Amino acid sequence: MLSSKMNWSMYMLLPAVLVLTSFQVGEVTPDMGVLDVDPCENSNGVFQDGEKIVYKIYYNWNFIWIAAGEVVFQVKDDGDHYHISAMGRTFKSYDWVFKVRDTYDSFVEKETLLPERTIRKVEEGNYRLYDDVAYNHDASLAVSKKGKTKDALSEESIPLEKCTHDILSSIYMMRNIDFQSMPKGSSLPLSVYLDRKIYDIDVIYAGIEEEKRVRGIGKCNTMLFKPKVVVGNIFKDNDGMNVWVSNDENRIPLMIESPISVGSVKVVLKSYKGLKYDPLFELP
């Protein structure tokens, strides 16, 4: 049980909850609408070279919160593209339960924020996975070289939908969207690649929470997102996930809470540096 929870929690920030399943749009209310945003053309005005954000992951079982691991996101400016990386690991005190050492690298075009290449290395317990994906958006095709190790790969071509993102590029693309000016209940449709599949999703903007208390930080000015997930082995409630993002120019995720099939998971901002703008989300 615990292994599947940690497998889910390492990357689950904003649309990264797609690692296991696709979102489903909730019940439509009168103020809902599709955002007028083109996922094919999104220049960056939010993040910069040297940005580093660290999150701490907690697992709750029987009213006990366990610090299980952390995930580190970093940005590097590589000329005509950004190199965005995420490294997830369990703490040594948790390794005896289920050891995780995962890395995810995305090389993203500067002009569109679409991925050029994705490299995913997974070490979770005894499970190993290496997946190197090259994207040709003009030809609507991705080529995946995948296997248990880098030396034992099989190749497969996957048709892409228009403007398909990967996990990391979708997160950083969304940070460049001005949700603050959007009506509460608006949705953003996206196509996201993972494990040789394309997931069509809608990300729901649930409005502003001006005094949300975030563990370890205090009261924060936030935007709230409520992803709709498919109930199954991991999620027990398709309405239970909440994602709070800073309501400032940086738009960084601050906290995620979600019930899962056994217990619940909380992902909380631990530290940050190299933000493009002064952080203004903490309230006195």
C-alpha atoms as a PDB file:
ATOM      1  CA  MET A   1       0.000   0.000   0.000  1.00  0.00           C
ATOM      2  CA  LEU A   2       2.650   2.520   1.061  1.00  0.00           C
ATOM      3  CA  SER A   3       4.675   1.917  -2.093  1.00  0.00           C
ATOM      4  CA  SER A   4       1.869   3.011  -4.381  1.00  0.00           C
ATOM      5  CA  LYS A   5       1.282   6.146  -2.302  1.00  0.00           C
ATOM      6  CA  MET A   6       4.897   7.244  -2.606  1.00  0.00           C
ATOM      7  CA  ASN A   7       4.940   6.427  -6.318  1.00  0.00           C
ATOM      8  CA  TRP A   8       2.054   8.858  -6.667  1.00  0.00           C
ATOM      9  CA  SER A   9       3.344  11.596  -4.416  1.00  0.00           C
ATOM     10  CA  MET A  10       6.796  12.355  -5.794  1.00  0.00           C
ATOM     11  CA  TYR A  11       5.681  14.388  -8.793  1.00  0.00           C
ATOM     12  CA  MET A  12       2.160  15.374  -7.885  1.00  0.00           C
ATOM     13  CA  LEU A  13       2.219  19.130  -8.174  1.00  0.00           C
ATOM     14  CA  LEU A  14      -0.619  20.799 -10.115  1.00  0.00           C
ATOM     15  CA  PRO A  15      -1.191  18.847 -13.357  1.00  0.00           C
ATOM     16  CA  ALA A  16       1.442  16.281 -12.366  1.00  0.00           C
ATOM     17  CA  VAL A  17      -1.306  14.295 -10.705  1.00  0.00           C
ATOM     18  CA  LEU A  18      -1.740  12.902 -14.216  1.00  0.00           C
ATOM     19  CA  VAL A  19       1.068  10.432 -13.627  1.00  0.00           C
ATOM     20  CA  LEU A  20      -1.485   7.762 -12.755  1.00  0.00           C
ATOM     21  CA  THR A  21      -4.741   8.964 -14.256  1.00  0.00           C
ATOM     22  CA  SER A  22      -6.509  11.647 -16.238  1.00  0.00           C
ATOM     23  CA  PHE A  23      -8.592  14.464 -14.836  1.00  0.00           C
ATOM     24  CA  GLN A  24     -12.333  14.562 -15.342  1.00  0.00           C
ATOM     25  CA  VAL A  25     -14.273  17.814 -15.516  1.00  0.00           C
ATOM     26  CA  GLY A  26     -16.637  18.257 -12.602  1.00  0.00           C
ATOM     27  CA  GLU A  27     -20.233  19.384 -12.707  1.00  0.00           C
ATOM     28  CA  VAL A  28     -20.558  22.536 -14.817  1.00  0.00           C
ATOM     29  CA  THR A  29     -21.830  25.651 -13.067  1.00  0.00           C
ATOM     30  CA  PRO A  30     -23.002  28.900 -14.704  1.00  0.00           C
ATOM     31  CA  ASP A  31     -19.706  30.745 -14.207  1.00  0.00           C
ATOM     32  CA  MET A  32     -17.633  27.935 -15.729  1.00  0.00           C
ATOM     33  CA  GLY A  33     -16.019  28.335 -19.132  1.00  0.00           C
ATOM     34  CA  VAL A  34     -12.998  27.225 -21.137  1.00  0.00           C
ATOM     35  CA  LEU A  35     -10.055  29.587 -20.795  1.00  0.00           C
ATOM     36  CA  ASP A  36      -9.053  31.452 -23.924  1.00  0.00           C
ATOM     37  CA  VAL A  37      -5.454  30.244 -23.704  1.00  0.00           C
ATOM     38  CA  ASP A  38      -3.415  28.694 -26.520  1.00  0.00           C
ATOM     39  CA  PRO A  39      -1.271  25.853 -25.093  1.00  0.00           C
ATOM     40  CA  CYS A  40       0.815  26.013 -28.283  1.00  0.00           C
ATOM     41  CA  GLU A  41       2.106  29.560 -27.809  1.00  0.00           C
ATOM     42  CA  ASN A  42       3.180  30.535 -24.299  1.00  0.00           C
ATOM     43  CA  SER A  43       6.260  32.626 -23.750  1.00  0.00           C
ATOM     44  CA  ASN A  44       7.809  32.724 -20.297  1.00  0.00           C
ATOM     45  CA  GLY A  45       7.593  35.750 -18.041  1.00  0.00           C
ATOM     46  CA  VAL A  46       7.438  33.987 -14.672  1.00  0.00           C
ATOM     47  CA  PHE A  47      10.429  31.705 -13.998  1.00  0.00           C
ATOM     48  CA  GLN A  48      14.135  32.181 -14.649  1.00  0.00           C
ATOM     49  CA  ASP A  49      17.530  30.500 -14.707  1.00  0.00           C
ATOM     50  CA  GLY A  50      18.583  29.303 -11.257  1.00  0.00           C
ATOM     51  CA  GLU A  51      15.105  28.933  -9.772  1.00  0.00           C
ATOM     52  CA  LYS A  52      14.981  26.106  -7.206  1.00  0.00           C
ATOM     53  CA  ILE A  53      11.872  25.025  -5.302  1.00  0.00           C
ATOM     54  CA  VAL A  54      11.796  22.236  -2.712  1.00  0.00           C
ATOM     55  CA  TYR A  55       8.688  20.470  -1.393  1.00  0.00           C
ATOM     56  CA  LYS A  56       8.291  18.170   1.584  1.00  0.00           C
ATOM     57  CA  ILE A  57       5.937  15.191   1.303  1.00  0.00           C
ATOM     58  CA  TYR A  58       3.867  13.920   4.225  1.00  0.00           C
ATOM     59  CA  TYR A  59       1.836  10.744   4.464  1.00  0.00           C
ATOM     60  CA  ASN A  60      -1.005  10.555   6.973  1.00  0.00           C
ATOM     61  CA  TRP A  61      -2.248   7.289   8.436  1.00  0.00           C
ATOM     62  CA  ASN A  62      -4.437   6.961  11.520  1.00  0.00           C
ATOM     63  CA  PHE A  63      -4.013  10.665  12.409  1.00  0.00           C
ATOM     64  CA  ILE A  64      -0.203  10.396  12.310  1.00  0.00           C
ATOM     65  CA  TRP A  65       1.674  12.598   9.827  1.00  0.00           C
ATOM     66  CA  ILE A  66       4.909  11.016   8.573  1.00  0.00           C
ATOM     67  CA  ALA A  67       7.565  13.073   6.744  1.00  0.00           C
ATOM     68  CA  ALA A  68       8.225  10.647   3.885  1.00  0.00           C
ATOM     69  CA  GLY A  69      10.317  12.503   1.307  1.00  0.00           C
ATOM     70  CA  GLU A  70      10.924  15.574  -0.784  1.00  0.00           C
ATOM     71  CA  VAL A  71      10.939  16.706  -4.409  1.00  0.00           C
ATOM     72  CA  VAL A  72      13.253  19.387  -5.842  1.00  0.00           C
ATOM     73  CA  PHE A  73      12.405  21.422  -8.960  1.00  0.00           C
ATOM     74  CA  GLN A  74      15.125  23.394 -10.767  1.00  0.00           C
ATOM     75  CA  VAL A  75      15.371  25.562 -13.899  1.00  0.00           C
ATOM     76  CA  LYS A  76      18.438  26.068 -16.084  1.00  0.00           C
ATOM     77  CA  ASP A  77      18.615  28.393 -19.103  1.00  0.00           C
ATOM     78  CA  ASP A  78      20.289  26.454 -21.937  1.00  0.00           C
ATOM     79  CA  GLY A  79      20.252  28.998 -24.755  1.00  0.00           C
ATOM     80  CA  ASP A  80      17.271  28.302 -27.010  1.00  0.00           C
ATOM     81  CA  HIS A  81      15.536  26.079 -24.433  1.00  0.00           C
ATOM     82  CA  TYR A  82      14.995  25.621 -20.699  1.00  0.00           C
ATOM     83  CA  HIS A  83      16.176  22.518 -18.871  1.00  0.00           C
ATOM     84  CA  ILE A  84      13.611  21.847 -16.141  1.00  0.00           C
ATOM     85  CA  SER A  85      14.311  19.037 -13.696  1.00  0.00           C
ATOM     86  CA  ALA A  86      12.510  17.343 -10.820  1.00  0.00           C
ATOM     87  CA  MET A  87      14.220  14.981  -8.377  1.00  0.00           C
ATOM     88  CA  GLY A  88      12.105  13.016  -5.934  1.00  0.00           C
ATOM     89  CA  ARG A  89      13.413  10.911  -3.075  1.00  0.00           C
ATOM     90  CA  THR A  90      12.257   9.362   0.155  1.00  0.00           C
ATOM     91  CA  PHE A  91      14.065  10.299   3.342  1.00  0.00           C
ATOM     92  CA  LYS A  92      16.487   7.690   4.695  1.00  0.00           C
ATOM     93  CA  SER A  93      14.160   7.202   7.658  1.00  0.00           C
ATOM     94  CA  TYR A  94      11.438   6.149   5.187  1.00  0.00           C
ATOM     95  CA  ASP A  95      13.612   4.095   2.812  1.00  0.00           C
ATOM     96  CA  TRP A  96      13.010   0.917   4.797  1.00  0.00           C
ATOM     97  CA  VAL A  97       9.311   1.235   3.924  1.00  0.00           C
ATOM     98  CA  PHE A  98       9.786   2.028   0.242  1.00  0.00           C
ATOM     99  CA  LYS A  99      12.882   3.633  -1.272  1.00  0.00           C
ATOM    100  CA  VAL A 100      12.378   6.162  -4.073  1.00  0.00           C
ATOM    101  CA  ARG A 101      15.029   7.902  -6.175  1.00  0.00           C
ATOM    102  CA  ASP A 102      13.301   9.402  -9.235  1.00  0.00           C
ATOM    103  CA  THR A 103      14.477  12.039 -11.719  1.00  0.00           C
ATOM    104  CA  TYR A 104      12.538  13.790 -14.466  1.00  0.00           C
ATOM    105  CA  ASP A 105      14.199  16.095 -16.993  1.00  0.00           C
ATOM    106  CA  SER A 106      12.318  18.182 -19.527  1.00  0.00           C
ATOM    107  CA  PHE A 107      13.958  20.263 -22.267  1.00  0.00           C
ATOM    108  CA  VAL A 108      11.464  22.955 -23.227  1.00  0.00           C
ATOM    109  CA  GLU A 109      11.347  25.326 -26.218  1.00  0.00           C
ATOM    110  CA  LYS A 110      11.560  28.937 -25.093  1.00  0.00           C
ATOM    111  CA  GLU A 111       9.170  30.294 -27.736  1.00  0.00           C
ATOM    112  CA  THR A 112       6.310  27.874 -26.998  1.00  0.00           C
ATOM    113  CA  LEU A 113       7.182  26.156 -23.676  1.00  0.00           C
ATOM    114  CA  LEU A 114       6.495  22.853 -25.457  1.00  0.00           C
ATOM    115  CA  PRO A 115       8.815  19.917 -24.686  1.00  0.00           C
ATOM    116  CA  GLU A 116      11.594  18.963 -27.094  1.00  0.00           C
ATOM    117  CA  ARG A 117      12.811  16.008 -25.053  1.00  0.00           C
ATOM    118  CA  THR A 118      11.876  14.259 -21.814  1.00  0.00           C
ATOM    119  CA  ILE A 119      14.061  11.863 -19.815  1.00  0.00           C
ATOM    120  CA  ARG A 120      12.510   9.973 -16.917  1.00  0.00           C
ATOM    121  CA  LYS A 121      14.522   7.717 -14.587  1.00  0.00           C
ATOM    122  CA  VAL A 122      12.586   5.765 -11.984  1.00  0.00           C
ATOM    123  CA  GLU A 123      13.952   3.830  -9.006  1.00  0.00           C
ATOM    124  CA  GLU A 124      11.097   2.791  -6.723  1.00  0.00           C
ATOM    125  CA  GLY A 125      11.728  -0.228  -4.535  1.00  0.00           C
ATOM    126  CA  ASN A 126      12.873  -2.944  -6.944  1.00  0.00           C
ATOM    127  CA  TYR A 127      11.171  -1.262  -9.909  1.00  0.00           C
ATOM    128  CA  ARG A 128      13.347   0.425 -12.562  1.00  0.00           C
ATOM    129  CA  LEU A 129      12.340   2.479 -15.598  1.00  0.00           C
ATOM    130  CA  TYR A 130      14.181   4.631 -18.135  1.00  0.00           C
ATOM    131  CA  ASP A 131      12.212   6.558 -20.762  1.00  0.00           C
ATOM    132  CA  ASP A 132      13.828   8.985 -23.248  1.00  0.00           C
ATOM    133  CA  VAL A 133      11.266  10.782 -25.415  1.00  0.00           C
ATOM    134  CA  ALA A 134      11.919  13.070 -28.404  1.00  0.00           C
ATOM    135  CA  TYR A 135       9.030  15.249 -29.615  1.00  0.00           C
ATOM    136  CA  ASN A 136       8.379  16.386 -33.198  1.00  0.00           C
ATOM    137  CA  HIS A 137       5.428  18.728 -32.822  1.00  0.00           C
ATOM    138  CA  ASP A 138       5.354  19.659 -36.506  1.00  0.00           C
ATOM    139  CA  ALA A 139       4.889  15.981 -37.405  1.00  0.00           C
ATOM    140  CA  SER A 140       2.637  15.329 -34.367  1.00  0.00           C
ATOM    141  CA  LEU A 141       4.865  12.447 -33.311  1.00  0.00           C
ATOM    142  CA  ALA A 142       6.913  11.399 -30.281  1.00  0.00           C
ATOM    143  CA  VAL A 143       9.587   8.676 -30.274  1.00  0.00           C
ATOM    144  CA  SER A 144      10.047   6.870 -26.950  1.00  0.00           C
ATOM    145  CA  LYS A 145      13.084   4.761 -26.088  1.00  0.00           C
ATOM    146  CA  LYS A 146      12.019   2.901 -22.973  1.00  0.00           C
ATOM    147  CA  GLY A 147      13.206   0.013 -20.825  1.00  0.00           C
ATOM    148  CA  LYS A 148      14.331  -1.062 -17.381  1.00  0.00           C
ATOM    149  CA  THR A 149      17.785   0.397 -17.974  1.00  0.00           C
ATOM    150  CA  LYS A 150      19.428   2.790 -20.417  1.00  0.00           C
ATOM    151  CA  ASP A 151      21.157  -0.182 -22.075  1.00  0.00           C
ATOM    152  CA  ALA A 152      17.992  -2.222 -22.726  1.00  0.00           C
ATOM    153  CA  LEU A 153      15.548  -0.012 -24.586  1.00  0.00           C
ATOM    154  CA  SER A 154      12.699  -0.607 -27.008  1.00  0.00           C
ATOM    155  CA  GLU A 155      11.599   2.120 -29.411  1.00  0.00           C
ATOM    156  CA  GLU A 156       8.018   3.130 -30.144  1.00  0.00           C
ATOM    157  CA  SER A 157       6.418   6.043 -32.019  1.00  0.00           C
ATOM    158  CA  ILE A 158       3.396   7.697 -30.413  1.00  0.00           C
ATOM    159  CA  PRO A 159       1.024  10.037 -32.293  1.00  0.00           C
ATOM    160  CA  LEU A 160       0.692  13.390 -30.549  1.00  0.00           C
ATOM    161  CA  GLU A 161      -2.304  15.627 -30.275  1.00  0.00           C
ATOM    162  CA  LYS A 162      -1.896  19.315 -31.041  1.00  0.00           C
ATOM    163  CA  CYS A 163       0.523  20.988 -28.627  1.00  0.00           C
ATOM    164  CA  THR A 164       1.091  18.020 -26.316  1.00  0.00           C
ATOM    165  CA  HIS A 165       2.998  18.808 -23.126  1.00  0.00           C
ATOM    166  CA  ASP A 166       4.870  16.588 -20.704  1.00  0.00           C
ATOM    167  CA  ILE A 167       4.427  16.690 -16.925  1.00  0.00           C
ATOM    168  CA  LEU A 168       6.989  19.402 -16.212  1.00  0.00           C
ATOM    169  CA  SER A 169       6.336  21.612 -19.229  1.00  0.00           C
ATOM    170  CA  SER A 170       2.625  21.682 -18.371  1.00  0.00           C
ATOM    171  CA  ILE A 171       3.388  22.899 -14.830  1.00  0.00           C
ATOM    172  CA  TYR A 172       5.680  25.696 -15.980  1.00  0.00           C
ATOM    173  CA  MET A 173       3.382  26.646 -18.857  1.00  0.00           C
ATOM    174  CA  MET A 174       0.464  27.005 -16.425  1.00  0.00           C
ATOM    175  CA  ARG A 175       2.522  29.273 -14.186  1.00  0.00           C
ATOM    176  CA  ASN A 176       2.504  31.746 -17.083  1.00  0.00           C
ATOM    177  CA  ILE A 177      -1.293  31.932 -17.220  1.00  0.00           C
ATOM    178  CA  ASP A 178      -2.993  34.868 -15.507  1.00  0.00           C
ATOM    179  CA  PHE A 179      -5.653  32.885 -13.652  1.00  0.00           C
ATOM    180  CA  GLN A 180      -6.317  35.806 -11.308  1.00  0.00           C
ATOM    181  CA  SER A 181      -8.265  37.551 -14.062  1.00  0.00           C
ATOM    182  CA  MET A 182     -10.296  34.439 -14.935  1.00  0.00           C
ATOM    183  CA  PRO A 183     -13.799  33.635 -13.637  1.00  0.00           C
ATOM    184  CA  LYS A 184     -14.025  31.120 -10.807  1.00  0.00           C
ATOM    185  CA  GLY A 185     -14.731  27.672 -12.243  1.00  0.00           C
ATOM    186  CA  SER A 186     -12.863  28.234 -15.504  1.00  0.00           C
ATOM    187  CA  SER A 187     -11.135  25.220 -17.034  1.00  0.00           C
ATOM    188  CA  LEU A 188      -7.981  24.809 -19.086  1.00  0.00           C
ATOM    189  CA  PRO A 189      -7.868  21.870 -21.534  1.00  0.00           C
ATOM    190  CA  LEU A 190      -4.466  20.212 -21.987  1.00  0.00           C
ATOM    191  CA  SER A 191      -2.952  17.171 -23.664  1.00  0.00           C
ATOM    192  CA  VAL A 192      -0.146  15.579 -21.632  1.00  0.00           C
ATOM    193  CA  TYR A 193       2.248  12.742 -22.551  1.00  0.00           C
ATOM    194  CA  LEU A 194       3.256  10.086 -20.026  1.00  0.00           C
ATOM    195  CA  ASP A 195       4.367   6.464 -20.457  1.00  0.00           C
ATOM    196  CA  ARG A 196       3.516   6.301 -24.164  1.00  0.00           C
ATOM    197  CA  LYS A 197      -0.011   7.585 -23.631  1.00  0.00           C
ATOM    198  CA  ILE A 198      -1.700  10.944 -24.191  1.00  0.00           C
ATOM    199  CA  TYR A 199      -4.022  12.196 -21.451  1.00  0.00           C
ATOM    200  CA  ASP A 200      -6.626  14.831 -22.299  1.00  0.00           C
ATOM    201  CA  ILE A 201      -7.321  16.822 -19.167  1.00  0.00           C
ATOM    202  CA  ASP A 202      -9.111  19.889 -17.859  1.00  0.00           C
ATOM    203  CA  VAL A 203      -7.579  21.875 -15.020  1.00  0.00           C
ATOM    204  CA  ILE A 204     -10.229  23.685 -12.950  1.00  0.00           C
ATOM    205  CA  TYR A 205      -9.554  27.089 -11.378  1.00  0.00           C
ATOM    206  CA  ALA A 206     -11.562  27.366  -8.140  1.00  0.00           C
ATOM    207  CA  GLY A 207     -10.844  30.987  -7.199  1.00  0.00           C
ATOM    208  CA  ILE A 208      -8.791  32.949  -4.674  1.00  0.00           C
ATOM    209  CA  GLU A 209      -8.299  32.083  -0.992  1.00  0.00           C
ATOM    210  CA  GLU A 210      -6.695  35.139   0.565  1.00  0.00           C
ATOM    211  CA  GLU A 211      -5.847  33.723   4.011  1.00  0.00           C
ATOM    212  CA  LYS A 212      -5.045  30.058   3.514  1.00  0.00           C
ATOM    213  CA  ARG A 213      -2.910  28.613   6.301  1.00  0.00           C
ATOM    214  CA  VAL A 214      -0.041  26.590   4.816  1.00  0.00           C
ATOM    215  CA  ARG A 215       1.886  24.181   7.027  1.00  0.00           C
ATOM    216  CA  GLY A 216       5.233  25.643   8.054  1.00  0.00           C
ATOM    217  CA  ILE A 217       4.572  29.038   6.432  1.00  0.00           C
ATOM    218  CA  GLY A 218       1.453  30.525   7.986  1.00  0.00           C
ATOM    219  CA  LYS A 219      -1.299  32.529   6.304  1.00  0.00           C
ATOM    220  CA  CYS A 220      -0.862  32.925   2.557  1.00  0.00           C
ATOM    221  CA  ASN A 221      -2.604  34.653  -0.328  1.00  0.00           C
ATOM    222  CA  THR A 222      -3.421  31.766  -2.689  1.00  0.00           C
ATOM    223  CA  MET A 223      -5.304  30.566  -5.738  1.00  0.00           C
ATOM    224  CA  LEU A 224      -7.136  27.252  -5.367  1.00  0.00           C
ATOM    225  CA  PHE A 225      -7.322  24.478  -7.971  1.00  0.00           C
ATOM    226  CA  LYS A 226      -9.484  21.382  -7.614  1.00  0.00           C
ATOM    227  CA  PRO A 227      -8.427  18.589  -9.977  1.00  0.00           C
ATOM    228  CA  LYS A 228     -11.034  15.898 -10.640  1.00  0.00           C
ATOM    229  CA  VAL A 229      -9.352  12.481 -10.476  1.00  0.00           C
ATOM    230  CA  VAL A 230     -10.589   9.022 -11.334  1.00  0.00           C
ATOM    231  CA  VAL A 231     -11.405   6.929  -8.293  1.00  0.00           C
ATOM    232  CA  GLY A 232      -9.366   3.723  -8.212  1.00  0.00           C
ATOM    233  CA  ASN A 233      -6.432   2.072  -6.470  1.00  0.00           C
ATOM    234  CA  ILE A 234      -4.941   5.390  -5.379  1.00  0.00           C
ATOM    235  CA  PHE A 235      -7.748   7.937  -5.086  1.00  0.00           C
ATOM    236  CA  LYS A 236     -10.878   7.245  -3.046  1.00  0.00           C
ATOM    237  CA  ASP A 237     -12.681  10.536  -3.755  1.00  0.00           C
ATOM    238  CA  ASN A 238     -12.652  12.324  -7.102  1.00  0.00           C
ATOM    239  CA  ASP A 239     -13.473  15.669  -5.414  1.00  0.00           C
ATOM    240  CA  GLY A 240     -10.943  15.503  -2.597  1.00  0.00           C
ATOM    241  CA  MET A 241      -7.776  16.965  -4.100  1.00  0.00           C
ATOM    242  CA  ASN A 242      -6.932  20.618  -3.412  1.00  0.00           C
ATOM    243  CA  VAL A 243      -3.954  22.540  -4.814  1.00  0.00           C
ATOM    244  CA  TRP A 244      -3.022  26.004  -3.514  1.00  0.00           C
ATOM    245  CA  VAL A 245      -0.793  28.232  -5.663  1.00  0.00           C
ATOM    246  CA  SER A 246       0.743  31.570  -4.669  1.00  0.00           C
ATOM    247  CA  ASN A 247      -1.401  34.511  -5.717  1.00  0.00           C
ATOM    248  CA  ASP A 248       1.542  36.621  -6.858  1.00  0.00           C
ATOM    249  CA  GLU A 249       3.625  36.986 -10.014  1.00  0.00           C
ATOM    250  CA  ASN A 250       5.615  33.784  -9.327  1.00  0.00           C
ATOM    251  CA  ARG A 251       2.549  31.486  -9.132  1.00  0.00           C
ATOM    252  CA  ILE A 252       4.341  28.637  -7.396  1.00  0.00           C
ATOM    253  CA  PRO A 253       2.460  25.712  -5.818  1.00  0.00           C
ATOM    254  CA  LEU A 254       2.411  26.094  -2.033  1.00  0.00           C
ATOM    255  CA  MET A 255       0.500  23.022  -0.844  1.00  0.00           C
ATOM    256  CA  ILE A 256      -1.423  19.990  -2.081  1.00  0.00           C
ATOM    257  CA  GLU A 257      -3.802  17.927   0.023  1.00  0.00           C
ATOM    258  CA  SER A 258      -5.524  14.770  -1.126  1.00  0.00           C
ATOM    259  CA  PRO A 259      -7.198  11.728   0.382  1.00  0.00           C
ATOM    260  CA  ILE A 260      -5.984   8.450  -1.098  1.00  0.00           C
ATOM    261  CA  SER A 261      -7.263   4.894  -0.773  1.00  0.00           C
ATOM    262  CA  VAL A 262      -5.520   4.494   2.601  1.00  0.00           C
ATOM    263  CA  GLY A 263      -4.811   7.715   4.511  1.00  0.00           C
ATOM    264  CA  SER A 264      -3.955  11.001   2.821  1.00  0.00           C
ATOM    265  CA  VAL A 265      -0.998  12.861   1.319  1.00  0.00           C
ATOM    266  CA  LYS A 266       0.156  16.441   1.825  1.00  0.00           C
ATOM    267  CA  VAL A 267       2.848  18.156  -0.275  1.00  0.00           C
ATOM    268  CA  VAL A 268       4.114  21.433   1.229  1.00  0.00           C
ATOM    269  CA  LEU A 269       6.566  24.110   0.100  1.00  0.00           C
ATOM    270  CA  LYS A 270       9.791  23.735   2.070  1.00  0.00           C
ATOM    271  CA  SER A 271      12.138  26.299   0.508  1.00  0.00           C
ATOM    272  CA  TYR A 272      12.761  28.368  -2.594  1.00  0.00           C
ATOM    273  CA  LYS A 273      15.440  30.541  -4.181  1.00  0.00           C
ATOM    274  CA  GLY A 274      16.037  32.302  -7.460  1.00  0.00           C
ATOM    275  CA  LEU A 275      12.427  33.373  -8.000  1.00  0.00           C
ATOM    276  CA  LYS A 276      12.006  35.969 -10.739  1.00  0.00           C
ATOM    277  CA  TYR A 277       9.824  38.214  -8.570  1.00  0.00           C
ATOM    278  CA  ASP A 278       9.767  39.050  -4.877  1.00  0.00           C
ATOM    279  CA  PRO A 279       7.482  36.516  -3.169  1.00  0.00           C
ATOM    280  CA  LEU A 280       4.361  38.305  -1.909  1.00  0.00           C
ATOM    281  CA  PHE A 281       2.176  35.392  -0.838  1.00  0.00           C
ATOM    282  CA  GLU A 282       3.045  35.345   2.890  1.00  0.00           C
ATOM    283  CA  LEU A 283       0.684  37.424   5.037  1.00  0.00           C
ATOM    284  CA  PRO A 284       1.563  39.055   8.376  1.00  0.00           C
END
